[in-house]
């Protein structure tokens, strides 16, 4: 579990959201599943508007830059995400949207 700080795209308010994550070398990958609901989670829209932010993993706080995983990266990252939390496969079955995978790279 990590804590993602993100700034509201419209409000400019600082928010913090707890999320599961997938380690990927120096990067951290988070899944914008929103439980399989039809829309992306608010934090995803906030990161698109303000991609440089901070995450806390355990006691460590890291500055990161968010980007959506490329189509080439996506299959392997999705498999790793499902291995971390098998429920992601159920979420995918509940929605017609492609669930974004967000890579958080050191900034």
PDB file of N, CA and C in Angstrom:
ATOM      1  N   UNK A   1       0.850  -1.172   0.000  1.00  0.00           N
ATOM      2  CA  UNK A   1       0.000   0.000   0.000  1.00  0.00           C
ATOM      3  C   UNK A   1       0.898   1.237   0.000  1.00  0.00           C
ATOM      4  N   UNK A   2       0.487   2.250  -0.783  1.00  0.00           N
ATOM      5  CA  UNK A   2       1.178   3.533  -0.788  1.00  0.00           C
ATOM      6  C   UNK A   2       0.162   4.636  -0.573  1.00  0.00           C
ATOM      7  N   UNK A   3       0.662   5.808  -0.265  1.00  0.00           N
ATOM      8  CA  UNK A   3      -0.179   6.998  -0.176  1.00  0.00           C
ATOM      9  C   UNK A   3       0.225   7.923  -1.309  1.00  0.00           C
ATOM     10  N   UNK A   4      -0.728   8.219  -2.170  1.00  0.00           N
ATOM     11  CA  UNK A   4      -0.507   9.083  -3.328  1.00  0.00           C
ATOM     12  C   UNK A   4      -1.022  10.473  -3.020  1.00  0.00           C
ATOM     13  N   UNK A   5      -0.129  11.460  -3.054  1.00  0.00           N
ATOM     14  CA  UNK A   5      -0.549  12.858  -2.962  1.00  0.00           C
ATOM     15  C   UNK A   5      -0.865  13.326  -4.373  1.00  0.00           C
ATOM     16  N   UNK A   6      -1.967  14.033  -4.538  1.00  0.00           N
ATOM     17  CA  UNK A   6      -2.321  14.574  -5.856  1.00  0.00           C
ATOM     18  C   UNK A   6      -3.093  15.865  -5.671  1.00  0.00           C
ATOM     19  N   UNK A   7      -2.915  16.744  -6.641  1.00  0.00           N
ATOM     20  CA  UNK A   7      -3.536  18.070  -6.599  1.00  0.00           C
ATOM     21  C   UNK A   7      -4.747  18.061  -7.512  1.00  0.00           C
ATOM     22  N   UNK A   8      -5.873  18.512  -6.994  1.00  0.00           N
ATOM     23  CA  UNK A   8      -7.112  18.539  -7.764  1.00  0.00           C
ATOM     24  C   UNK A   8      -6.953  19.300  -9.069  1.00  0.00           C
ATOM     25  N   UNK A   9      -7.393  18.700 -10.154  1.00  0.00           N
ATOM     26  CA  UNK A   9      -7.262  19.314 -11.475  1.00  0.00           C
ATOM     27  C   UNK A   9      -8.032  20.628 -11.559  1.00  0.00           C
ATOM     28  N   UNK A  10      -9.178  20.706 -10.927  1.00  0.00           N
ATOM     29  CA  UNK A  10      -9.977  21.927 -10.948  1.00  0.00           C
ATOM     30  C   UNK A  10      -9.835  22.722  -9.664  1.00  0.00           C
ATOM     31  N   UNK A  11      -9.856  22.020  -8.540  1.00  0.00           N
ATOM     32  CA  UNK A  11      -9.886  22.708  -7.245  1.00  0.00           C
ATOM     33  C   UNK A  11      -8.520  23.205  -6.793  1.00  0.00           C
ATOM     34  N   UNK A  12      -7.458  22.499  -7.222  1.00  0.00           N
ATOM     35  CA  UNK A  12      -6.125  22.829  -6.746  1.00  0.00           C
ATOM     36  C   UNK A  12      -5.865  22.342  -5.330  1.00  0.00           C
ATOM     37  N   UNK A  13      -6.826  21.627  -4.755  1.00  0.00           N
ATOM     38  CA  UNK A  13      -6.688  21.124  -3.385  1.00  0.00           C
ATOM     39  C   UNK A  13      -5.784  19.897  -3.351  1.00  0.00           C
ATOM     40  N   UNK A  14      -4.962  19.811  -2.330  1.00  0.00           N
ATOM     41  CA  UNK A  14      -4.104  18.649  -2.145  1.00  0.00           C
ATOM     42  C   UNK A  14      -4.922  17.521  -1.538  1.00  0.00           C
ATOM     43  N   UNK A  15      -4.811  16.346  -2.126  1.00  0.00           N
ATOM     44  CA  UNK A  15      -5.534  15.172  -1.650  1.00  0.00           C
ATOM     45  C   UNK A  15      -4.538  14.024  -1.489  1.00  0.00           C
ATOM     46  N   UNK A  16      -4.887  13.067  -0.658  1.00  0.00           N
ATOM     47  CA  UNK A  16      -4.068  11.880  -0.459  1.00  0.00           C
ATOM     48  C   UNK A  16      -4.968  10.654  -0.574  1.00  0.00           C
ATOM     49  N   UNK A  17      -4.530   9.687  -1.380  1.00  0.00           N
ATOM     50  CA  UNK A  17      -5.311   8.476  -1.628  1.00  0.00           C
ATOM     51  C   UNK A  17      -4.451   7.246  -1.380  1.00  0.00           C
ATOM     52  N   UNK A  18      -4.935   6.286  -0.581  1.00  0.00           N
ATOM     53  CA  UNK A  18      -4.203   5.027  -0.414  1.00  0.00           C
ATOM     54  C   UNK A  18      -4.485   4.109  -1.601  1.00  0.00           C
ATOM     55  N   UNK A  19      -3.432   3.488  -2.132  1.00  0.00           N
ATOM     56  CA  UNK A  19      -3.575   2.613  -3.299  1.00  0.00           C
ATOM     57  C   UNK A  19      -2.632   1.421  -3.195  1.00  0.00           C
ATOM     58  N   UNK A  20      -3.048   0.316  -3.803  1.00  0.00           N
ATOM     59  CA  UNK A  20      -2.124  -0.791  -4.012  1.00  0.00           C
ATOM     60  C   UNK A  20      -1.161  -0.379  -5.106  1.00  0.00           C
ATOM     61  N   UNK A  21       0.002  -1.014  -5.145  1.00  0.00           N
ATOM     62  CA  UNK A  21       0.962  -0.672  -6.191  1.00  0.00           C
ATOM     63  C   UNK A  21       1.742  -1.908  -6.610  1.00  0.00           C
ATOM     64  N   UNK A  22       2.374  -1.771  -7.778  1.00  0.00           N
ATOM     65  CA  UNK A  22       3.209  -2.820  -8.339  1.00  0.00           C
ATOM     66  C   UNK A  22       4.607  -2.236  -8.510  1.00  0.00           C
ATOM     67  N   UNK A  23       5.619  -2.808  -7.857  1.00  0.00           N
ATOM     68  CA  UNK A  23       6.980  -2.328  -8.089  1.00  0.00           C
ATOM     69  C   UNK A  23       7.431  -2.697  -9.505  1.00  0.00           C
ATOM     70  N   UNK A  24       8.142  -1.781 -10.149  1.00  0.00           N
ATOM     71  CA  UNK A  24       8.662  -2.019 -11.502  1.00  0.00           C
ATOM     72  C   UNK A  24      10.037  -1.352 -11.593  1.00  0.00           C
ATOM     73  N   UNK A  25      11.053  -2.008 -11.062  1.00  0.00           N
ATOM     74  CA  UNK A  25      12.384  -1.408 -11.009  1.00  0.00           C
ATOM     75  C   UNK A  25      12.337  -0.172 -10.137  1.00  0.00           C
ATOM     76  N   UNK A  26      12.817   0.954 -10.664  1.00  0.00           N
ATOM     77  CA  UNK A  26      12.755   2.229  -9.927  1.00  0.00           C
ATOM     78  C   UNK A  26      11.359   2.833  -9.938  1.00  0.00           C
ATOM     79  N   UNK A  27      10.515   2.352 -10.826  1.00  0.00           N
ATOM     80  CA  UNK A  27       9.165   2.897 -10.959  1.00  0.00           C
ATOM     81  C   UNK A  27       8.186   2.170 -10.044  1.00  0.00           C
ATOM     82  N   UNK A  28       7.068   2.826  -9.845  1.00  0.00           N
ATOM     83  CA  UNK A  28       5.930   2.253  -9.138  1.00  0.00           C
ATOM     84  C   UNK A  28       4.759   2.343 -10.104  1.00  0.00           C
ATOM     85  N   UNK A  29       3.987   1.275 -10.210  1.00  0.00           N
ATOM     86  CA  UNK A  29       2.831   1.276 -11.108  1.00  0.00           C
ATOM     87  C   UNK A  29       1.562   1.201 -10.267  1.00  0.00           C
ATOM     88  N   UNK A  30       0.612   2.076 -10.581  1.00  0.00           N
ATOM     89  CA  UNK A  30      -0.687   2.064  -9.919  1.00  0.00           C
ATOM     90  C   UNK A  30      -1.760   1.853 -10.980  1.00  0.00           C
ATOM     91  N   UNK A  31      -2.876   1.291 -10.554  1.00  0.00           N
ATOM     92  CA  UNK A  31      -3.932   0.864 -11.467  1.00  0.00           C
ATOM     93  C   UNK A  31      -5.164   1.737 -11.243  1.00  0.00           C
ATOM     94  N   UNK A  32      -5.619   2.405 -12.280  1.00  0.00           N
ATOM     95  CA  UNK A  32      -6.773   3.301 -12.184  1.00  0.00           C
ATOM     96  C   UNK A  32      -8.065   2.520 -12.436  1.00  0.00           C
ATOM     97  N   UNK A  33      -8.315   1.530 -11.593  1.00  0.00           N
ATOM     98  CA  UNK A  33      -9.439   0.616 -11.813  1.00  0.00           C
ATOM     99  C   UNK A  33     -10.782   1.159 -11.326  1.00  0.00           C
ATOM    100  N   UNK A  34     -10.772   1.869 -10.227  1.00  0.00           N
ATOM    101  CA  UNK A  34     -11.998   2.365  -9.577  1.00  0.00           C
ATOM    102  C   UNK A  34     -13.018   1.229  -9.429  1.00  0.00           C
ATOM    103  N   UNK A  35     -12.500   0.032  -9.144  1.00  0.00           N
ATOM    104  CA  UNK A  35     -13.380  -1.109  -8.897  1.00  0.00           C
ATOM    105  C   UNK A  35     -14.169  -1.559 -10.109  1.00  0.00           C
ATOM    106  N   UNK A  36     -13.752  -1.140 -11.293  1.00  0.00           N
ATOM    107  CA  UNK A  36     -14.468  -1.519 -12.512  1.00  0.00           C
ATOM    108  C   UNK A  36     -15.622  -0.595 -12.863  1.00  0.00           C
ATOM    109  N   UNK A  37     -15.733   0.534 -12.178  1.00  0.00           N
ATOM    110  CA  UNK A  37     -16.784   1.495 -12.512  1.00  0.00           C
ATOM    111  C   UNK A  37     -16.532   2.088 -13.899  1.00  0.00           C
ATOM    112  N   UNK A  38     -17.553   2.672 -14.517  1.00  0.00           N
ATOM    113  CA  UNK A  38     -17.405   3.173 -15.892  1.00  0.00           C
ATOM    114  C   UNK A  38     -16.433   4.331 -16.078  1.00  0.00           C
ATOM    115  N   UNK A  39     -16.162   5.098 -15.029  1.00  0.00           N
ATOM    116  CA  UNK A  39     -15.278   6.261 -15.151  1.00  0.00           C
ATOM    117  C   UNK A  39     -13.963   6.036 -14.420  1.00  0.00           C
ATOM    118  N   UNK A  40     -12.938   6.752 -14.877  1.00  0.00           N
ATOM    119  CA  UNK A  40     -11.643   6.705 -14.215  1.00  0.00           C
ATOM    120  C   UNK A  40     -11.745   7.371 -12.835  1.00  0.00           C
ATOM    121  N   UNK A  41     -10.896   6.973 -11.904  1.00  0.00           N
ATOM    122  CA  UNK A  41     -10.910   7.621 -10.590  1.00  0.00           C
ATOM    123  C   UNK A  41     -10.433   9.075 -10.676  1.00  0.00           C
ATOM    124  N   UNK A  42     -10.865   9.880  -9.738  1.00  0.00           N
ATOM    125  CA  UNK A  42     -10.498  11.305  -9.722  1.00  0.00           C
ATOM    126  C   UNK A  42      -8.986  11.480  -9.675  1.00  0.00           C
ATOM    127  N   UNK A  43      -8.290  10.632  -8.906  1.00  0.00           N
ATOM    128  CA  UNK A  43      -6.841  10.799  -8.797  1.00  0.00           C
ATOM    129  C   UNK A  43      -6.159  10.664 -10.154  1.00  0.00           C
ATOM    130  N   UNK A  44      -6.721   9.843 -11.062  1.00  0.00           N
ATOM    131  CA  UNK A  44      -6.140   9.684 -12.395  1.00  0.00           C
ATOM    132  C   UNK A  44      -6.221  11.012 -13.159  1.00  0.00           C
ATOM    133  N   UNK A  45      -7.380  11.646 -13.126  1.00  0.00           N
ATOM    134  CA  UNK A  45      -7.543  12.947 -13.806  1.00  0.00           C
ATOM    135  C   UNK A  45      -6.628  13.993 -13.180  1.00  0.00           C
ATOM    136  N   UNK A  46      -6.486  13.946 -11.868  1.00  0.00           N
ATOM    137  CA  UNK A  46      -5.608  14.897 -11.183  1.00  0.00           C
ATOM    138  C   UNK A  46      -4.152  14.710 -11.603  1.00  0.00           C
ATOM    139  N   UNK A  47      -3.715  13.457 -11.734  1.00  0.00           N
ATOM    140  CA  UNK A  47      -2.330  13.208 -12.165  1.00  0.00           C
ATOM    141  C   UNK A  47      -2.103  13.620 -13.613  1.00  0.00           C
ATOM    142  N   UNK A  48      -3.116  13.494 -14.443  1.00  0.00           N
ATOM    143  CA  UNK A  48      -2.968  13.933 -15.840  1.00  0.00           C
ATOM    144  C   UNK A  48      -2.753  15.448 -15.885  1.00  0.00           C
ATOM    145  N   UNK A  49      -3.451  16.168 -15.013  1.00  0.00           N
ATOM    146  CA  UNK A  49      -3.331  17.625 -14.976  1.00  0.00           C
ATOM    147  C   UNK A  49      -2.066  18.084 -14.250  1.00  0.00           C
ATOM    148  N   UNK A  50      -1.652  17.331 -13.246  1.00  0.00           N
ATOM    149  CA  UNK A  50      -0.502  17.694 -12.399  1.00  0.00           C
ATOM    150  C   UNK A  50       0.348  16.443 -12.171  1.00  0.00           C
ATOM    151  N   UNK A  51       1.180  16.063 -13.144  1.00  0.00           N
ATOM    152  CA  UNK A  51       1.875  14.777 -13.064  1.00  0.00           C
ATOM    153  C   UNK A  51       3.022  14.690 -12.063  1.00  0.00           C
ATOM    154  N   UNK A  52       3.580  15.800 -11.630  1.00  0.00           N
ATOM    155  CA  UNK A  52       4.673  15.743 -10.652  1.00  0.00           C
ATOM    156  C   UNK A  52       4.064  15.831  -9.257  1.00  0.00           C
ATOM    157  N   UNK A  53       4.368  14.813  -8.448  1.00  0.00           N
ATOM    158  CA  UNK A  53       3.763  14.735  -7.118  1.00  0.00           C
ATOM    159  C   UNK A  53       4.641  13.900  -6.198  1.00  0.00           C
ATOM    160  N   UNK A  54       4.068  13.470  -5.081  1.00  0.00           N
ATOM    161  CA  UNK A  54       4.793  12.654  -4.100  1.00  0.00           C
ATOM    162  C   UNK A  54       3.990  11.410  -3.755  1.00  0.00           C
ATOM    163  N   UNK A  55       4.718  10.334  -3.445  1.00  0.00           N
ATOM    164  CA  UNK A  55       4.116   9.134  -2.896  1.00  0.00           C
ATOM    165  C   UNK A  55       4.861   8.776  -1.619  1.00  0.00           C
ATOM    166  N   UNK A  56       4.156   8.120  -0.723  1.00  0.00           N
ATOM    167  CA  UNK A  56       4.770   7.598   0.492  1.00  0.00           C
ATOM    168  C   UNK A  56       4.602   6.089   0.484  1.00  0.00           C
ATOM    169  N   UNK A  57       5.735   5.403   0.529  1.00  0.00           N
ATOM    170  CA  UNK A  57       5.753   3.951   0.629  1.00  0.00           C
ATOM    171  C   UNK A  57       6.468   3.639   1.935  1.00  0.00           C
ATOM    172  N   UNK A  58       5.716   3.123   2.910  1.00  0.00           N
ATOM    173  CA  UNK A  58       6.293   2.952   4.237  1.00  0.00           C
ATOM    174  C   UNK A  58       6.719   4.314   4.757  1.00  0.00           C
ATOM    175  N   UNK A  59       7.905   4.406   5.344  1.00  0.00           N
ATOM    176  CA  UNK A  59       8.352   5.700   5.867  1.00  0.00           C
ATOM    177  C   UNK A  59       8.976   6.610   4.804  1.00  0.00           C
ATOM    178  N   UNK A  60       9.163   6.090   3.600  1.00  0.00           N
ATOM    179  CA  UNK A  60       9.869   6.846   2.557  1.00  0.00           C
ATOM    180  C   UNK A  60       8.903   7.678   1.711  1.00  0.00           C
ATOM    181  N   UNK A  61       9.242   8.946   1.543  1.00  0.00           N
ATOM    182  CA  UNK A  61       8.478   9.847   0.673  1.00  0.00           C
ATOM    183  C   UNK A  61       9.307  10.089  -0.578  1.00  0.00           C
ATOM    184  N   UNK A  62       8.696   9.908  -1.750  1.00  0.00           N
ATOM    185  CA  UNK A  62       9.410  10.048  -3.021  1.00  0.00           C
ATOM    186  C   UNK A  62       8.708  11.051  -3.931  1.00  0.00           C
ATOM    187  N   UNK A  63       9.511  11.863  -4.616  1.00  0.00           N
ATOM    188  CA  UNK A  63       8.975  12.746  -5.646  1.00  0.00           C
ATOM    189  C   UNK A  63       8.916  11.937  -6.937  1.00  0.00           C
ATOM    190  N   UNK A  64       7.763  11.984  -7.618  1.00  0.00           N
ATOM    191  CA  UNK A  64       7.564  11.183  -8.826  1.00  0.00           C
ATOM    192  C   UNK A  64       6.900  12.008  -9.925  1.00  0.00           C
ATOM    193  N   UNK A  65       7.026  11.481 -11.130  1.00  0.00           N
ATOM    194  CA  UNK A  65       6.309  12.027 -12.289  1.00  0.00           C
ATOM    195  C   UNK A  65       5.436  10.906 -12.832  1.00  0.00           C
ATOM    196  N   UNK A  66       4.148  11.178 -12.983  1.00  0.00           N
ATOM    197  CA  UNK A  66       3.195  10.175 -13.452  1.00  0.00           C
ATOM    198  C   UNK A  66       3.067  10.217 -14.974  1.00  0.00           C
ATOM    199  N   UNK A  67       2.967   9.029 -15.552  1.00  0.00           N
ATOM    200  CA  UNK A  67       2.661   8.905 -16.978  1.00  0.00           C
ATOM    201  C   UNK A  67       1.878   7.621 -17.184  1.00  0.00           C
ATOM    202  N   UNK A  68       1.035   7.612 -18.190  1.00  0.00           N
ATOM    203  CA  UNK A  68       0.272   6.413 -18.522  1.00  0.00           C
ATOM    204  C   UNK A  68       1.211   5.429 -19.218  1.00  0.00           C
ATOM    205  N   UNK A  69       1.126   4.168 -18.837  1.00  0.00           N
ATOM    206  CA  UNK A  69       1.959   3.134 -19.449  1.00  0.00           C
ATOM    207  C   UNK A  69       1.694   3.054 -20.945  1.00  0.00           C
ATOM    208  N   UNK A  70       2.741   2.807 -21.704  1.00  0.00           N
ATOM    209  CA  UNK A  70       2.620   2.703 -23.158  1.00  0.00           C
ATOM    210  C   UNK A  70       1.922   1.398 -23.535  1.00  0.00           C
ATOM    211  N   UNK A  71       1.384   1.324 -24.748  1.00  0.00           N
ATOM    212  CA  UNK A  71       0.776   0.062 -25.193  1.00  0.00           C
ATOM    213  C   UNK A  71       1.766  -1.110 -25.155  1.00  0.00           C
ATOM    214  N   UNK A  72       3.034  -0.832 -25.367  1.00  0.00           N
ATOM    215  CA  UNK A  72       4.045  -1.895 -25.332  1.00  0.00           C
ATOM    216  C   UNK A  72       4.281  -2.401 -23.903  1.00  0.00           C
ATOM    217  N   UNK A  73       4.237  -1.513 -22.933  1.00  0.00           N
ATOM    218  CA  UNK A  73       4.454  -1.874 -21.531  1.00  0.00           C
ATOM    219  C   UNK A  73       3.246  -2.563 -20.902  1.00  0.00           C
ATOM    220  N   UNK A  74       2.096  -2.201 -21.388  1.00  0.00           N
ATOM    221  CA  UNK A  74       0.839  -2.558 -20.744  1.00  0.00           C
ATOM    222  C   UNK A  74       0.625  -4.054 -20.475  1.00  0.00           C
ATOM    223  N   UNK A  75       0.800  -4.957 -21.437  1.00  0.00           N
ATOM    224  CA  UNK A  75       0.494  -6.372 -21.165  1.00  0.00           C
ATOM    225  C   UNK A  75       1.289  -6.956 -19.987  1.00  0.00           C
ATOM    226  N   UNK A  76       2.581  -6.713 -19.946  1.00  0.00           N
ATOM    227  CA  UNK A  76       3.396  -7.260 -18.856  1.00  0.00           C
ATOM    228  C   UNK A  76       3.027  -6.603 -17.531  1.00  0.00           C
ATOM    229  N   UNK A  77       2.784  -5.290 -17.542  1.00  0.00           N
ATOM    230  CA  UNK A  77       2.416  -4.604 -16.300  1.00  0.00           C
ATOM    231  C   UNK A  77       1.047  -5.062 -15.801  1.00  0.00           C
ATOM    232  N   UNK A  78       0.119  -5.278 -16.726  1.00  0.00           N
ATOM    233  CA  UNK A  78      -1.206  -5.754 -16.319  1.00  0.00           C
ATOM    234  C   UNK A  78      -1.097  -7.131 -15.657  1.00  0.00           C
ATOM    235  N   UNK A  79      -0.315  -8.021 -16.253  1.00  0.00           N
ATOM    236  CA  UNK A  79      -0.131  -9.355 -15.666  1.00  0.00           C
ATOM    237  C   UNK A  79       0.463  -9.258 -14.263  1.00  0.00           C
ATOM    238  N   UNK A  80       1.421  -8.368 -14.082  1.00  0.00           N
ATOM    239  CA  UNK A  80       2.031  -8.185 -12.758  1.00  0.00           C
ATOM    240  C   UNK A  80       1.025  -7.603 -11.766  1.00  0.00           C
ATOM    241  N   UNK A  81       0.194  -6.677 -12.225  1.00  0.00           N
ATOM    242  CA  UNK A  81      -0.817  -6.079 -11.355  1.00  0.00           C
ATOM    243  C   UNK A  81      -1.826  -7.139 -10.897  1.00  0.00           C
ATOM    244  N   UNK A  82      -2.257  -7.994 -11.811  1.00  0.00           N
ATOM    245  CA  UNK A  82      -3.208  -9.055 -11.464  1.00  0.00           C
ATOM    246  C   UNK A  82      -2.563 -10.057 -10.504  1.00  0.00           C
ATOM    247  N   UNK A  83      -1.270 -10.274 -10.640  1.00  0.00           N
ATOM    248  CA  UNK A  83      -0.574 -11.153  -9.705  1.00  0.00           C
ATOM    249  C   UNK A  83      -0.557 -10.547  -8.297  1.00  0.00           C
ATOM    250  N   UNK A  84      -0.452  -9.222  -8.212  1.00  0.00           N
ATOM    251  CA  UNK A  84      -0.467  -8.534  -6.913  1.00  0.00           C
ATOM    252  C   UNK A  84      -1.879  -8.537  -6.326  1.00  0.00           C
ATOM    253  N   UNK A  85      -2.877  -8.262  -7.162  1.00  0.00           N
ATOM    254  CA  UNK A  85      -4.280  -8.211  -6.717  1.00  0.00           C
ATOM    255  C   UNK A  85      -5.156  -8.849  -7.788  1.00  0.00           C
ATOM    256  N   UNK A  86      -5.525 -10.136  -7.617  1.00  0.00           N
ATOM    257  CA  UNK A  86      -6.339 -10.828  -8.628  1.00  0.00           C
ATOM    258  C   UNK A  86      -7.674 -10.149  -8.916  1.00  0.00           C
ATOM    259  N   UNK A  87      -8.165  -9.339  -7.989  1.00  0.00           N
ATOM    260  CA  UNK A  87      -9.421  -8.620  -8.201  1.00  0.00           C
ATOM    261  C   UNK A  87      -9.399  -7.687  -9.402  1.00  0.00           C
ATOM    262  N   UNK A  88      -8.211  -7.256  -9.833  1.00  0.00           N
ATOM    263  CA  UNK A  88      -8.140  -6.390 -11.016  1.00  0.00           C
ATOM    264  C   UNK A  88      -8.744  -7.065 -12.235  1.00  0.00           C
ATOM    265  N   UNK A  89      -8.593  -8.378 -12.356  1.00  0.00           N
ATOM    266  CA  UNK A  89      -9.184  -9.107 -13.489  1.00  0.00           C
ATOM    267  C   UNK A  89     -10.711  -9.011 -13.440  1.00  0.00           C
ATOM    268  N   UNK A  90     -11.292  -9.072 -12.245  1.00  0.00           N
ATOM    269  CA  UNK A  90     -12.739  -8.908 -12.106  1.00  0.00           C
ATOM    270  C   UNK A  90     -13.162  -7.492 -12.472  1.00  0.00           C
ATOM    271  N   UNK A  91     -12.387  -6.514 -12.039  1.00  0.00           N
ATOM    272  CA  UNK A  91     -12.716  -5.120 -12.363  1.00  0.00           C
ATOM    273  C   UNK A  91     -12.712  -4.914 -13.872  1.00  0.00           C
ATOM    274  N   UNK A  92     -11.744  -5.499 -14.540  1.00  0.00           N
ATOM    275  CA  UNK A  92     -11.640  -5.372 -15.996  1.00  0.00           C
ATOM    276  C   UNK A  92     -12.875  -5.958 -16.675  1.00  0.00           C
ATOM    277  N   UNK A  93     -13.386  -7.062 -16.140  1.00  0.00           N
ATOM    278  CA  UNK A  93     -14.568  -7.706 -16.722  1.00  0.00           C
ATOM    279  C   UNK A  93     -15.835  -6.876 -16.518  1.00  0.00           C
ATOM    280  N   UNK A  94     -15.839  -5.986 -15.517  1.00  0.00           N
ATOM    281  CA  UNK A  94     -17.020  -5.174 -15.202  1.00  0.00           C
ATOM    282  C   UNK A  94     -17.165  -3.928 -16.062  1.00  0.00           C
ATOM    283  N   UNK A  95     -16.136  -3.552 -16.792  1.00  0.00           N
ATOM    284  CA  UNK A  95     -16.170  -2.261 -17.487  1.00  0.00           C
ATOM    285  C   UNK A  95     -15.785  -2.399 -18.952  1.00  0.00           C
ATOM    286  N   UNK A  96     -16.276  -1.470 -19.756  1.00  0.00           N
ATOM    287  CA  UNK A  96     -15.918  -1.418 -21.175  1.00  0.00           C
ATOM    288  C   UNK A  96     -14.681  -0.562 -21.400  1.00  0.00           C
ATOM    289  N   UNK A  97     -14.285   0.234 -20.408  1.00  0.00           N
ATOM    290  CA  UNK A  97     -13.140   1.117 -20.588  1.00  0.00           C
ATOM    291  C   UNK A  97     -11.835   0.353 -20.378  1.00  0.00           C
ATOM    292  N   UNK A  98     -10.788   0.844 -21.005  1.00  0.00           N
ATOM    293  CA  UNK A  98      -9.470   0.298 -20.721  1.00  0.00           C
ATOM    294  C   UNK A  98      -8.997   0.905 -19.411  1.00  0.00           C
ATOM    295  N   UNK A  99      -8.656   0.059 -18.467  1.00  0.00           N
ATOM    296  CA  UNK A  99      -8.204   0.533 -17.156  1.00  0.00           C
ATOM    297  C   UNK A  99      -6.768   1.026 -17.293  1.00  0.00           C
ATOM    298  N   UNK A 100      -6.530   2.303 -17.034  1.00  0.00           N
ATOM    299  CA  UNK A 100      -5.180   2.839 -17.182  1.00  0.00           C
ATOM    300  C   UNK A 100      -4.210   2.290 -16.136  1.00  0.00           C
ATOM    301  N   UNK A 101      -2.991   2.085 -16.571  1.00  0.00           N
ATOM    302  CA  UNK A 101      -1.885   1.760 -15.691  1.00  0.00           C
ATOM    303  C   UNK A 101      -0.985   2.985 -15.683  1.00  0.00           C
ATOM    304  N   UNK A 102      -0.673   3.469 -14.498  1.00  0.00           N
ATOM    305  CA  UNK A 102       0.089   4.705 -14.362  1.00  0.00           C
ATOM    306  C   UNK A 102       1.460   4.387 -13.773  1.00  0.00           C
ATOM    307  N   UNK A 103       2.501   4.723 -14.516  1.00  0.00           N
ATOM    308  CA  UNK A 103       3.876   4.551 -14.034  1.00  0.00           C
ATOM    309  C   UNK A 103       4.273   5.830 -13.302  1.00  0.00           C
ATOM    310  N   UNK A 104       4.752   5.658 -12.085  1.00  0.00           N
ATOM    311  CA  UNK A 104       5.268   6.764 -11.285  1.00  0.00           C
ATOM    312  C   UNK A 104       6.781   6.644 -11.318  1.00  0.00           C
ATOM    313  N   UNK A 105       7.426   7.550 -12.047  1.00  0.00           N
ATOM    314  CA  UNK A 105       8.874   7.512 -12.243  1.00  0.00           C
ATOM    315  C   UNK A 105       9.541   8.513 -11.306  1.00  0.00           C
ATOM    316  N   UNK A 106      10.765   8.211 -10.848  1.00  0.00           N
ATOM    317  CA  UNK A 106      11.468   9.190 -10.007  1.00  0.00           C
ATOM    318  C   UNK A 106      11.574  10.535 -10.724  1.00  0.00           C
ATOM    319  N   UNK A 107      11.310  11.604  -9.983  1.00  0.00           N
ATOM    320  CA  UNK A 107      11.369  12.944 -10.585  1.00  0.00           C
ATOM    321  C   UNK A 107      12.545  13.707 -10.001  1.00  0.00           C
TER     322      UNK A 107
END
